[in-house]
Amino acid sequence: MNNTRQQIIEKAFLLFLKKGFKGVRISDIEHAARITRGTFYYHFSGKEEVLKEGIHTYYALLNMQRTEEFGRVSTLREYVGLTIRKLVGIDNYTARTFSSEIPEILCLSLIVEVIAVFPELKKVVMASKMLRLSKLEQLILNAKQSGELRNDIDTSVLAKNLLNISVGVINYLIMHQEVSYALSAVRAQYEQLYSLASDY
């Protein structure tokens, strides 16, 4: 991809995360990307196009990161530990650079704002969710085969429960921003699910 085009996408996306889609003007994007109005319109028809490309790019990076993370863990216990460490490691729920390390909570807040206007973006979010669910189901199947989890546990239901815990903590943080309580709650929920499902 053209470097200038990519720079515009990245700078605009960070602005959208910070100010919301409606709060960002094209002049804000020009200033952040250090470009002229002509350069902006050479690459994009408007900020809607930049938003859509930013969301596609972000979720592609996020999906690659998740695939790599699932490749690093071999037990469900390791996955739970990794998930909690990532939540603890988020710094003030802000994004300074464009990468898969942008807290998903920020992107989901943006998605909530724009999904009614651009319903096609729902497919991008759902595809990412389904990929994560599929990886979780495979991890659970492996955990059952290795004896980490009981065989009578419903793989699909447990995967959805684990995913819903993450979604729940994100919703809580969007509403309250009380990180320590949310982390404590998610840790307790993961531990309870794990103890119910494991043979230990």
N, C-alpha and C. Protein backbone atom coordinates (compact mmCIF):
# COMPACT_ATOMS: atom_id res chain seq x y z
N MET A 1 0.85 -1.18 0.00
CA MET A 1 0.00 0.00 0.00
C MET A 1 0.89 1.24 0.00
N ASN A 2 0.45 2.27 -0.68
CA ASN A 2 1.17 3.53 -0.73
C ASN A 2 1.41 4.06 0.68
N ASN A 3 2.67 4.52 0.97
CA ASN A 3 3.02 4.97 2.31
C ASN A 3 2.17 6.15 2.78
N THR A 4 1.91 7.11 1.88
CA THR A 4 1.09 8.26 2.25
C THR A 4 -0.33 7.82 2.59
N ARG A 5 -0.88 6.94 1.77
CA ARG A 5 -2.23 6.43 2.02
C ARG A 5 -2.29 5.71 3.37
N GLN A 6 -1.30 4.86 3.64
CA GLN A 6 -1.26 4.14 4.91
C GLN A 6 -1.11 5.11 6.08
N GLN A 7 -0.31 6.13 5.93
CA GLN A 7 -0.12 7.12 6.98
C GLN A 7 -1.44 7.84 7.28
N ILE A 8 -2.18 8.18 6.24
CA ILE A 8 -3.47 8.85 6.44
C ILE A 8 -4.42 7.92 7.19
N ILE A 9 -4.48 6.65 6.78
CA ILE A 9 -5.36 5.68 7.45
C ILE A 9 -5.00 5.58 8.93
N GLU A 10 -3.72 5.44 9.22
CA GLU A 10 -3.29 5.23 10.60
C GLU A 10 -3.55 6.46 11.46
N LYS A 11 -3.19 7.63 10.99
CA LYS A 11 -3.39 8.85 11.76
C LYS A 11 -4.89 9.14 11.96
N ALA A 12 -5.67 8.93 10.91
CA ALA A 12 -7.12 9.16 11.01
C ALA A 12 -7.75 8.18 11.99
N PHE A 13 -7.35 6.92 11.93
CA PHE A 13 -7.92 5.91 12.81
C PHE A 13 -7.65 6.25 14.28
N LEU A 14 -6.43 6.70 14.58
CA LEU A 14 -6.11 7.10 15.96
C LEU A 14 -6.98 8.28 16.40
N LEU A 15 -7.23 9.20 15.47
CA LEU A 15 -8.13 10.32 15.79
C LEU A 15 -9.56 9.84 16.03
N PHE A 16 -10.03 8.92 15.19
CA PHE A 16 -11.38 8.38 15.37
C PHE A 16 -11.52 7.70 16.73
N LEU A 17 -10.48 6.98 17.14
CA LEU A 17 -10.52 6.31 18.43
C LEU A 17 -10.58 7.32 19.57
N LYS A 18 -9.88 8.42 19.41
CA LYS A 18 -9.80 9.43 20.47
C LYS A 18 -11.03 10.32 20.53
N LYS A 19 -11.50 10.78 19.37
CA LYS A 19 -12.57 11.78 19.32
C LYS A 19 -13.91 11.24 18.84
N GLY A 20 -13.93 10.02 18.33
CA GLY A 20 -15.13 9.50 17.70
C GLY A 20 -15.18 9.93 16.25
N PHE A 21 -15.96 9.20 15.45
CA PHE A 21 -16.03 9.49 14.02
C PHE A 21 -16.59 10.89 13.76
N LYS A 22 -17.67 11.23 14.44
CA LYS A 22 -18.30 12.53 14.21
C LYS A 22 -17.42 13.69 14.66
N GLY A 23 -16.57 13.45 15.66
CA GLY A 23 -15.74 14.51 16.21
C GLY A 23 -14.51 14.85 15.40
N VAL A 24 -14.23 14.07 14.35
CA VAL A 24 -13.03 14.29 13.54
C VAL A 24 -13.40 14.95 12.21
N ARG A 25 -12.73 16.04 11.92
CA ARG A 25 -12.92 16.73 10.63
C ARG A 25 -11.78 16.35 9.69
N ILE A 26 -11.98 16.55 8.42
CA ILE A 26 -10.92 16.26 7.46
C ILE A 26 -9.69 17.12 7.75
N SER A 27 -9.89 18.35 8.19
CA SER A 27 -8.75 19.20 8.53
C SER A 27 -7.94 18.61 9.69
N ASP A 28 -8.61 17.91 10.62
CA ASP A 28 -7.89 17.24 11.72
C ASP A 28 -6.99 16.13 11.16
N ILE A 29 -7.52 15.38 10.20
CA ILE A 29 -6.74 14.31 9.58
C ILE A 29 -5.55 14.89 8.81
N GLU A 30 -5.80 15.97 8.08
CA GLU A 30 -4.71 16.62 7.33
C GLU A 30 -3.59 17.06 8.27
N HIS A 31 -3.99 17.66 9.38
CA HIS A 31 -2.99 18.14 10.35
C HIS A 31 -2.22 16.97 10.95
N ALA A 32 -2.94 15.93 11.38
CA ALA A 32 -2.28 14.78 12.03
C ALA A 32 -1.35 14.05 11.06
N ALA A 33 -1.76 13.92 9.80
CA ALA A 33 -0.96 13.19 8.81
C ALA A 33 0.04 14.10 8.09
N ARG A 34 -0.04 15.40 8.38
CA ARG A 34 0.86 16.40 7.75
C ARG A 34 0.75 16.36 6.22
N ILE A 35 -0.48 16.49 5.79
CA ILE A 35 -0.76 16.48 4.34
C ILE A 35 -1.64 17.67 3.99
N THR A 36 -1.79 17.89 2.71
CA THR A 36 -2.68 18.96 2.23
C THR A 36 -4.05 18.37 1.90
N ARG A 37 -5.02 19.24 1.72
CA ARG A 37 -6.36 18.80 1.35
C ARG A 37 -6.32 18.05 0.02
N GLY A 38 -5.52 18.55 -0.92
CA GLY A 38 -5.39 17.88 -2.22
C GLY A 38 -4.86 16.48 -2.09
N THR A 39 -3.87 16.30 -1.21
CA THR A 39 -3.30 14.96 -0.99
C THR A 39 -4.36 14.04 -0.39
N PHE A 40 -5.13 14.56 0.56
CA PHE A 40 -6.19 13.75 1.16
C PHE A 40 -7.15 13.25 0.07
N TYR A 41 -7.64 14.17 -0.75
CA TYR A 41 -8.63 13.79 -1.76
C TYR A 41 -8.03 13.03 -2.94
N TYR A 42 -6.74 13.07 -3.09
CA TYR A 42 -6.09 12.23 -4.08
C TYR A 42 -6.21 10.76 -3.68
N HIS A 43 -6.15 10.51 -2.38
CA HIS A 43 -6.17 9.12 -1.87
C HIS A 43 -7.56 8.65 -1.43
N PHE A 44 -8.41 9.56 -0.97
CA PHE A 44 -9.70 9.17 -0.40
C PHE A 44 -10.82 10.10 -0.86
N SER A 45 -12.02 9.53 -0.94
CA SER A 45 -13.18 10.33 -1.32
C SER A 45 -13.75 11.09 -0.12
N GLY A 46 -13.44 10.66 1.08
CA GLY A 46 -13.93 11.32 2.29
C GLY A 46 -13.51 10.56 3.52
N LYS A 47 -13.88 11.05 4.69
CA LYS A 47 -13.42 10.39 5.93
C LYS A 47 -14.11 9.04 6.14
N GLU A 48 -15.27 8.82 5.50
CA GLU A 48 -15.94 7.52 5.60
C GLU A 48 -15.07 6.41 5.03
N GLU A 49 -14.43 6.69 3.89
CA GLU A 49 -13.56 5.69 3.26
C GLU A 49 -12.35 5.41 4.14
N VAL A 50 -11.81 6.45 4.76
CA VAL A 50 -10.66 6.27 5.65
C VAL A 50 -11.06 5.42 6.86
N LEU A 51 -12.23 5.70 7.42
CA LEU A 51 -12.73 4.93 8.56
C LEU A 51 -12.83 3.44 8.20
N LYS A 52 -13.47 3.15 7.09
CA LYS A 52 -13.67 1.75 6.70
C LYS A 52 -12.35 1.03 6.50
N GLU A 53 -11.41 1.68 5.82
CA GLU A 53 -10.10 1.04 5.61
C GLU A 53 -9.36 0.88 6.92
N GLY A 54 -9.49 1.85 7.83
CA GLY A 54 -8.85 1.74 9.13
C GLY A 54 -9.37 0.56 9.92
N ILE A 55 -10.68 0.38 9.92
CA ILE A 55 -11.28 -0.74 10.66
C ILE A 55 -10.87 -2.08 10.04
N HIS A 56 -10.89 -2.16 8.71
CA HIS A 56 -10.44 -3.40 8.05
C HIS A 56 -8.98 -3.71 8.39
N THR A 57 -8.14 -2.69 8.35
CA THR A 57 -6.72 -2.88 8.64
C THR A 57 -6.50 -3.29 10.09
N TYR A 58 -7.20 -2.62 11.01
CA TYR A 58 -7.05 -2.94 12.43
C TYR A 58 -7.46 -4.38 12.72
N TYR A 59 -8.61 -4.80 12.21
CA TYR A 59 -9.06 -6.16 12.50
C TYR A 59 -8.19 -7.22 11.82
N ALA A 60 -7.61 -6.90 10.68
CA ALA A 60 -6.67 -7.83 10.06
C ALA A 60 -5.45 -8.02 10.95
N LEU A 61 -4.94 -6.92 11.51
CA LEU A 61 -3.81 -7.01 12.44
C LEU A 61 -4.20 -7.76 13.71
N LEU A 62 -5.38 -7.46 14.24
CA LEU A 62 -5.85 -8.12 15.46
C LEU A 62 -6.00 -9.62 15.24
N ASN A 63 -6.53 -10.02 14.10
CA ASN A 63 -6.70 -11.44 13.79
C ASN A 63 -5.35 -12.14 13.69
N MET A 64 -4.36 -11.48 13.09
CA MET A 64 -3.02 -12.07 13.01
C MET A 64 -2.42 -12.23 14.41
N GLN A 65 -2.61 -11.20 15.25
CA GLN A 65 -2.08 -11.26 16.61
C GLN A 65 -2.73 -12.40 17.40
N ARG A 66 -4.05 -12.52 17.28
CA ARG A 66 -4.74 -13.59 18.01
C ARG A 66 -4.31 -14.97 17.54
N THR A 67 -4.14 -15.12 16.24
CA THR A 67 -3.68 -16.41 15.71
C THR A 67 -2.31 -16.75 16.28
N GLU A 68 -1.44 -15.75 16.35
CA GLU A 68 -0.10 -15.96 16.91
C GLU A 68 -0.19 -16.30 18.39
N GLU A 69 -1.06 -15.62 19.13
CA GLU A 69 -1.21 -15.88 20.57
C GLU A 69 -1.73 -17.29 20.81
N PHE A 70 -2.73 -17.71 20.04
CA PHE A 70 -3.26 -19.06 20.21
C PHE A 70 -2.19 -20.10 19.86
N GLY A 71 -1.29 -19.75 18.97
CA GLY A 71 -0.18 -20.65 18.64
C GLY A 71 0.82 -20.79 19.77
N ARG A 72 0.86 -19.80 20.68
CA ARG A 72 1.82 -19.82 21.79
C ARG A 72 1.30 -20.56 23.02
N VAL A 73 -0.02 -20.71 23.13
CA VAL A 73 -0.56 -21.37 24.32
C VAL A 73 -0.96 -22.80 23.99
N SER A 74 -0.74 -23.68 24.96
CA SER A 74 -1.10 -25.07 24.71
C SER A 74 -2.18 -25.57 25.68
N THR A 75 -2.47 -24.78 26.70
CA THR A 75 -3.52 -25.17 27.65
C THR A 75 -4.51 -24.02 27.81
N LEU A 76 -5.69 -24.37 28.28
CA LEU A 76 -6.70 -23.35 28.55
C LEU A 76 -6.23 -22.46 29.69
N ARG A 77 -5.56 -23.02 30.67
CA ARG A 77 -5.02 -22.24 31.79
C ARG A 77 -4.06 -21.16 31.27
N GLU A 78 -3.21 -21.51 30.30
CA GLU A 78 -2.29 -20.53 29.72
C GLU A 78 -3.05 -19.42 28.99
N TYR A 79 -4.12 -19.79 28.30
CA TYR A 79 -4.94 -18.80 27.60
C TYR A 79 -5.56 -17.81 28.58
N VAL A 80 -6.12 -18.33 29.67
CA VAL A 80 -6.74 -17.46 30.68
C VAL A 80 -5.68 -16.52 31.26
N GLY A 81 -4.50 -17.05 31.57
CA GLY A 81 -3.42 -16.23 32.11
C GLY A 81 -2.99 -15.14 31.14
N LEU A 82 -2.87 -15.50 29.86
CA LEU A 82 -2.49 -14.53 28.84
C LEU A 82 -3.54 -13.42 28.71
N THR A 83 -4.80 -13.82 28.72
CA THR A 83 -5.90 -12.85 28.59
C THR A 83 -5.88 -11.85 29.75
N ILE A 84 -5.69 -12.34 30.95
CA ILE A 84 -5.67 -11.46 32.12
C ILE A 84 -4.44 -10.55 32.08
N ARG A 85 -3.27 -11.10 31.70
CA ARG A 85 -2.06 -10.27 31.59
C ARG A 85 -2.25 -9.15 30.58
N LYS A 86 -2.91 -9.46 29.48
CA LYS A 86 -3.14 -8.42 28.45
C LYS A 86 -4.05 -7.33 28.99
N LEU A 87 -5.09 -7.71 29.73
CA LEU A 87 -5.98 -6.70 30.31
C LEU A 87 -5.24 -5.83 31.32
N VAL A 88 -4.41 -6.47 32.14
CA VAL A 88 -3.64 -5.73 33.14
C VAL A 88 -2.65 -4.78 32.46
N GLY A 89 -2.11 -5.21 31.31
CA GLY A 89 -1.08 -4.43 30.63
C GLY A 89 -1.58 -3.26 29.82
N ILE A 90 -2.88 -3.10 29.68
CA ILE A 90 -3.39 -1.98 28.89
C ILE A 90 -3.13 -0.69 29.65
N ASP A 91 -2.51 0.27 28.98
CA ASP A 91 -2.10 1.52 29.60
C ASP A 91 -3.13 2.61 29.36
N ASN A 92 -3.99 2.85 30.35
CA ASN A 92 -4.95 3.94 30.31
C ASN A 92 -5.94 3.87 29.14
N TYR A 93 -6.06 2.74 28.52
CA TYR A 93 -7.02 2.56 27.44
C TYR A 93 -6.92 3.66 26.38
N THR A 94 -5.69 3.92 25.95
CA THR A 94 -5.44 4.88 24.89
C THR A 94 -4.60 4.22 23.81
N ALA A 95 -4.59 4.82 22.64
CA ALA A 95 -3.81 4.31 21.53
C ALA A 95 -2.84 5.40 21.06
N ARG A 96 -1.56 5.07 21.07
CA ARG A 96 -0.55 6.04 20.64
C ARG A 96 -0.03 5.74 19.23
N THR A 97 -0.07 4.48 18.86
CA THR A 97 0.35 4.08 17.52
C THR A 97 -0.68 3.12 16.96
N PHE A 98 -0.68 2.99 15.64
CA PHE A 98 -1.63 2.09 14.99
C PHE A 98 -1.03 0.69 14.97
N SER A 99 -1.68 -0.23 15.66
CA SER A 99 -1.19 -1.62 15.68
C SER A 99 -2.28 -2.50 16.26
N SER A 100 -2.00 -3.81 16.27
CA SER A 100 -2.95 -4.74 16.87
C SER A 100 -2.94 -4.61 18.39
N GLU A 101 -2.01 -3.81 18.94
CA GLU A 101 -1.95 -3.61 20.39
C GLU A 101 -2.93 -2.54 20.86
N ILE A 102 -3.62 -1.89 19.92
CA ILE A 102 -4.66 -0.93 20.33
C ILE A 102 -5.71 -1.72 21.10
N PRO A 103 -6.03 -1.30 22.32
CA PRO A 103 -7.04 -2.04 23.08
C PRO A 103 -8.35 -2.16 22.29
N GLU A 104 -8.85 -3.35 22.21
CA GLU A 104 -10.06 -3.59 21.43
C GLU A 104 -11.25 -2.78 21.98
N ILE A 105 -11.19 -2.46 23.26
CA ILE A 105 -12.25 -1.66 23.86
C ILE A 105 -12.42 -0.34 23.12
N LEU A 106 -11.32 0.26 22.68
CA LEU A 106 -11.40 1.53 21.96
C LEU A 106 -12.06 1.35 20.61
N CYS A 107 -11.68 0.30 19.91
CA CYS A 107 -12.25 0.05 18.59
C CYS A 107 -13.73 -0.30 18.71
N LEU A 108 -14.10 -1.06 19.73
CA LEU A 108 -15.50 -1.42 19.89
C LEU A 108 -16.35 -0.19 20.21
N SER A 109 -15.79 0.75 20.96
CA SER A 109 -16.52 1.99 21.22
C SER A 109 -16.78 2.74 19.91
N LEU A 110 -15.78 2.76 19.04
CA LEU A 110 -15.93 3.40 17.74
C LEU A 110 -16.95 2.65 16.89
N ILE A 111 -16.89 1.32 16.90
CA ILE A 111 -17.84 0.50 16.13
C ILE A 111 -19.27 0.80 16.57
N VAL A 112 -19.48 0.90 17.88
CA VAL A 112 -20.82 1.19 18.39
C VAL A 112 -21.33 2.51 17.80
N GLU A 113 -20.44 3.48 17.67
CA GLU A 113 -20.84 4.78 17.13
C GLU A 113 -21.21 4.70 15.65
N VAL A 114 -20.46 3.91 14.86
CA VAL A 114 -20.62 3.98 13.40
C VAL A 114 -21.41 2.83 12.77
N ILE A 115 -21.74 1.80 13.54
CA ILE A 115 -22.35 0.61 12.96
C ILE A 115 -23.71 0.90 12.34
N ALA A 116 -24.46 1.84 12.91
CA ALA A 116 -25.78 2.16 12.35
C ALA A 116 -25.65 2.86 11.00
N VAL A 117 -24.59 3.64 10.84
CA VAL A 117 -24.38 4.37 9.60
C VAL A 117 -23.74 3.49 8.53
N PHE A 118 -22.84 2.61 8.97
CA PHE A 118 -22.13 1.71 8.04
C PHE A 118 -22.32 0.26 8.49
N PRO A 119 -23.51 -0.31 8.28
CA PRO A 119 -23.79 -1.66 8.80
C PRO A 119 -22.88 -2.74 8.21
N GLU A 120 -22.24 -2.47 7.07
CA GLU A 120 -21.34 -3.47 6.48
C GLU A 120 -20.13 -3.74 7.37
N LEU A 121 -19.81 -2.81 8.27
CA LEU A 121 -18.66 -3.01 9.17
C LEU A 121 -18.93 -4.11 10.19
N LYS A 122 -20.20 -4.42 10.40
CA LYS A 122 -20.55 -5.50 11.33
C LYS A 122 -19.94 -6.82 10.88
N LYS A 123 -19.84 -7.01 9.56
CA LYS A 123 -19.25 -8.25 9.02
C LYS A 123 -17.79 -8.40 9.43
N VAL A 124 -17.06 -7.28 9.45
CA VAL A 124 -15.65 -7.31 9.82
C VAL A 124 -15.50 -7.74 11.28
N VAL A 125 -16.34 -7.15 12.15
CA VAL A 125 -16.29 -7.46 13.58
C VAL A 125 -16.72 -8.91 13.81
N MET A 126 -17.77 -9.35 13.13
CA MET A 126 -18.26 -10.72 13.30
C MET A 126 -17.25 -11.75 12.82
N ALA A 127 -16.58 -11.45 11.71
CA ALA A 127 -15.56 -12.38 11.20
C ALA A 127 -14.44 -12.54 12.21
N SER A 128 -14.05 -11.44 12.85
CA SER A 128 -13.00 -11.50 13.87
C SER A 128 -13.47 -12.31 15.08
N LYS A 129 -14.72 -12.09 15.47
CA LYS A 129 -15.28 -12.83 16.61
C LYS A 129 -15.34 -14.32 16.30
N MET A 130 -15.76 -14.67 15.09
CA MET A 130 -15.87 -16.08 14.72
C MET A 130 -14.50 -16.76 14.66
N LEU A 131 -13.50 -16.03 14.21
CA LEU A 131 -12.14 -16.57 14.20
C LEU A 131 -11.69 -16.87 15.63
N ARG A 132 -11.93 -15.92 16.53
CA ARG A 132 -11.54 -16.12 17.93
C ARG A 132 -12.30 -17.28 18.54
N LEU A 133 -13.59 -17.39 18.25
CA LEU A 133 -14.41 -18.48 18.78
C LEU A 133 -13.89 -19.82 18.27
N SER A 134 -13.55 -19.88 17.00
CA SER A 134 -13.01 -21.11 16.42
C SER A 134 -11.70 -21.52 17.09
N LYS A 135 -10.83 -20.53 17.33
CA LYS A 135 -9.55 -20.83 18.00
C LYS A 135 -9.78 -21.29 19.43
N LEU A 136 -10.75 -20.68 20.12
CA LEU A 136 -11.08 -21.10 21.48
C LEU A 136 -11.62 -22.52 21.50
N GLU A 137 -12.49 -22.84 20.55
CA GLU A 137 -13.06 -24.19 20.50
C GLU A 137 -11.96 -25.23 20.28
N GLN A 138 -10.99 -24.92 19.41
CA GLN A 138 -9.89 -25.85 19.18
C GLN A 138 -9.05 -26.02 20.44
N LEU A 139 -8.80 -24.92 21.14
CA LEU A 139 -8.03 -24.99 22.38
C LEU A 139 -8.76 -25.83 23.43
N ILE A 140 -10.07 -25.68 23.51
CA ILE A 140 -10.87 -26.46 24.45
C ILE A 140 -10.86 -27.94 24.08
N LEU A 141 -10.99 -28.23 22.79
CA LEU A 141 -10.91 -29.64 22.35
C LEU A 141 -9.56 -30.25 22.74
N ASN A 142 -8.48 -29.50 22.52
CA ASN A 142 -7.15 -29.99 22.90
C ASN A 142 -7.06 -30.20 24.41
N ALA A 143 -7.68 -29.27 25.18
CA ALA A 143 -7.65 -29.39 26.64
C ALA A 143 -8.43 -30.62 27.10
N LYS A 144 -9.50 -30.95 26.41
CA LYS A 144 -10.26 -32.15 26.74
C LYS A 144 -9.47 -33.41 26.41
N GLN A 145 -8.79 -33.39 25.27
CA GLN A 145 -7.99 -34.56 24.86
C GLN A 145 -6.81 -34.79 25.79
N SER A 146 -6.23 -33.70 26.32
CA SER A 146 -5.06 -33.85 27.20
C SER A 146 -5.45 -34.16 28.64
N GLY A 147 -6.74 -34.08 28.94
CA GLY A 147 -7.19 -34.33 30.31
C GLY A 147 -7.26 -33.09 31.17
N GLU A 148 -6.97 -31.94 30.60
CA GLU A 148 -7.05 -30.69 31.37
C GLU A 148 -8.50 -30.38 31.71
N LEU A 149 -9.42 -30.67 30.79
CA LEU A 149 -10.85 -30.44 31.01
C LEU A 149 -11.60 -31.75 30.95
N ARG A 150 -12.76 -31.78 31.60
CA ARG A 150 -13.61 -32.96 31.56
C ARG A 150 -14.15 -33.14 30.14
N ASN A 151 -14.35 -34.38 29.74
CA ASN A 151 -14.85 -34.68 28.39
C ASN A 151 -16.32 -34.33 28.20
N ASP A 152 -17.08 -34.24 29.30
CA ASP A 152 -18.51 -33.97 29.15
C ASP A 152 -18.81 -32.47 29.00
N ILE A 153 -17.80 -31.62 29.03
CA ILE A 153 -17.99 -30.19 28.85
C ILE A 153 -18.35 -29.90 27.39
N ASP A 154 -19.38 -29.09 27.17
CA ASP A 154 -19.77 -28.72 25.82
C ASP A 154 -18.78 -27.68 25.29
N THR A 155 -18.03 -28.06 24.27
CA THR A 155 -16.95 -27.23 23.73
C THR A 155 -17.46 -25.87 23.27
N SER A 156 -18.54 -25.87 22.51
CA SER A 156 -19.08 -24.63 21.95
C SER A 156 -19.58 -23.69 23.04
N VAL A 157 -20.28 -24.24 24.02
CA VAL A 157 -20.83 -23.42 25.11
C VAL A 157 -19.71 -22.81 25.94
N LEU A 158 -18.68 -23.60 26.26
CA LEU A 158 -17.57 -23.08 27.05
C LEU A 158 -16.82 -21.98 26.28
N ALA A 159 -16.62 -22.19 24.99
CA ALA A 159 -15.94 -21.18 24.17
C ALA A 159 -16.75 -19.88 24.17
N LYS A 160 -18.05 -19.99 24.01
CA LYS A 160 -18.90 -18.77 24.03
C LYS A 160 -18.88 -18.09 25.39
N ASN A 161 -18.88 -18.90 26.46
CA ASN A 161 -18.81 -18.32 27.80
C ASN A 161 -17.51 -17.55 28.01
N LEU A 162 -16.40 -18.14 27.57
CA LEU A 162 -15.10 -17.45 27.70
C LEU A 162 -15.09 -16.15 26.91
N LEU A 163 -15.63 -16.20 25.71
CA LEU A 163 -15.69 -15.00 24.88
C LEU A 163 -16.60 -13.95 25.51
N ASN A 164 -17.72 -14.40 26.07
CA ASN A 164 -18.66 -13.46 26.69
C ASN A 164 -18.09 -12.79 27.94
N ILE A 165 -17.20 -13.47 28.64
CA ILE A 165 -16.54 -12.84 29.78
C ILE A 165 -15.72 -11.65 29.29
N SER A 166 -14.99 -11.83 28.21
CA SER A 166 -14.19 -10.74 27.64
C SER A 166 -15.08 -9.59 27.21
N VAL A 167 -16.18 -9.91 26.52
CA VAL A 167 -17.10 -8.88 26.05
C VAL A 167 -17.71 -8.15 27.25
N GLY A 168 -18.04 -8.90 28.29
CA GLY A 168 -18.63 -8.30 29.49
C GLY A 168 -17.70 -7.31 30.16
N VAL A 169 -16.42 -7.67 30.27
CA VAL A 169 -15.48 -6.76 30.92
C VAL A 169 -15.27 -5.52 30.05
N ILE A 170 -15.28 -5.69 28.74
CA ILE A 170 -15.15 -4.53 27.85
C ILE A 170 -16.35 -3.61 28.01
N ASN A 171 -17.56 -4.18 28.06
CA ASN A 171 -18.75 -3.35 28.26
C ASN A 171 -18.69 -2.60 29.60
N TYR A 172 -18.22 -3.30 30.63
CA TYR A 172 -18.11 -2.66 31.94
C TYR A 172 -17.14 -1.49 31.90
N LEU A 173 -16.01 -1.70 31.24
CA LEU A 173 -15.00 -0.64 31.17
C LEU A 173 -15.50 0.56 30.37
N ILE A 174 -16.26 0.29 29.30
CA ILE A 174 -16.83 1.38 28.52
C ILE A 174 -17.75 2.23 29.40
N MET A 175 -18.52 1.57 30.25
CA MET A 175 -19.50 2.28 31.07
C MET A 175 -18.88 2.94 32.30
N HIS A 176 -17.89 2.28 32.93
CA HIS A 176 -17.42 2.75 34.24
C HIS A 176 -15.94 3.11 34.33
N GLN A 177 -15.12 2.55 33.47
CA GLN A 177 -13.67 2.81 33.47
C GLN A 177 -13.00 2.42 34.79
N GLU A 178 -13.60 1.54 35.57
CA GLU A 178 -12.99 1.08 36.82
C GLU A 178 -12.20 -0.19 36.52
N VAL A 179 -10.94 -0.01 36.19
CA VAL A 179 -10.12 -1.10 35.70
C VAL A 179 -9.91 -2.18 36.75
N SER A 180 -9.58 -1.79 37.98
CA SER A 180 -9.26 -2.79 39.00
C SER A 180 -10.46 -3.69 39.30
N TYR A 181 -11.66 -3.11 39.38
CA TYR A 181 -12.84 -3.92 39.63
C TYR A 181 -13.10 -4.86 38.46
N ALA A 182 -12.99 -4.33 37.24
CA ALA A 182 -13.25 -5.15 36.06
C ALA A 182 -12.27 -6.32 35.97
N LEU A 183 -10.99 -6.06 36.26
CA LEU A 183 -10.00 -7.14 36.22
C LEU A 183 -10.27 -8.18 37.29
N SER A 184 -10.64 -7.74 38.47
CA SER A 184 -10.97 -8.66 39.54
C SER A 184 -12.17 -9.53 39.16
N ALA A 185 -13.16 -8.90 38.54
CA ALA A 185 -14.36 -9.64 38.14
C ALA A 185 -14.05 -10.65 37.05
N VAL A 186 -13.25 -10.25 36.06
CA VAL A 186 -12.95 -11.18 34.97
C VAL A 186 -12.09 -12.33 35.45
N ARG A 187 -11.15 -12.06 36.34
CA ARG A 187 -10.31 -13.13 36.88
C ARG A 187 -11.17 -14.14 37.63
N ALA A 188 -12.11 -13.65 38.45
CA ALA A 188 -12.99 -14.55 39.21
C ALA A 188 -13.88 -15.37 38.29
N GLN A 189 -14.38 -14.75 37.22
CA GLN A 189 -15.24 -15.48 36.29
C GLN A 189 -14.46 -16.56 35.55
N TYR A 190 -13.25 -16.23 35.09
CA TYR A 190 -12.42 -17.22 34.41
C TYR A 190 -12.08 -18.38 35.35
N GLU A 191 -11.69 -18.05 36.57
CA GLU A 191 -11.32 -19.09 37.54
C GLU A 191 -12.50 -20.01 37.84
N GLN A 192 -13.68 -19.42 38.01
CA GLN A 192 -14.87 -20.23 38.30
C GLN A 192 -15.19 -21.16 37.12
N LEU A 193 -15.17 -20.63 35.92
CA LEU A 193 -15.43 -21.46 34.74
C LEU A 193 -14.41 -22.58 34.63
N TYR A 194 -13.13 -22.22 34.83
CA TYR A 194 -12.06 -23.21 34.71
C TYR A 194 -12.22 -24.33 35.74
N SER A 195 -12.55 -23.96 36.98
CA SER A 195 -12.68 -24.99 38.02
C SER A 195 -13.88 -25.89 37.75
N LEU A 196 -14.94 -25.34 37.18
CA LEU A 196 -16.10 -26.16 36.86
C LEU A 196 -15.81 -27.13 35.71
N ALA A 197 -14.93 -26.72 34.81
CA ALA A 197 -14.69 -27.51 33.60
C ALA A 197 -13.50 -28.45 33.72
N SER A 198 -12.62 -28.22 34.70
CA SER A 198 -11.40 -29.01 34.74
C SER A 198 -11.55 -30.26 35.61
N ASP A 199 -10.60 -31.16 35.46
CA ASP A 199 -10.58 -32.39 36.24
C ASP A 199 -9.74 -32.24 37.51
N TYR A 200 -9.16 -31.06 37.71
CA TYR A 200 -8.22 -30.90 38.84
C TYR A 200 -8.95 -30.45 40.08
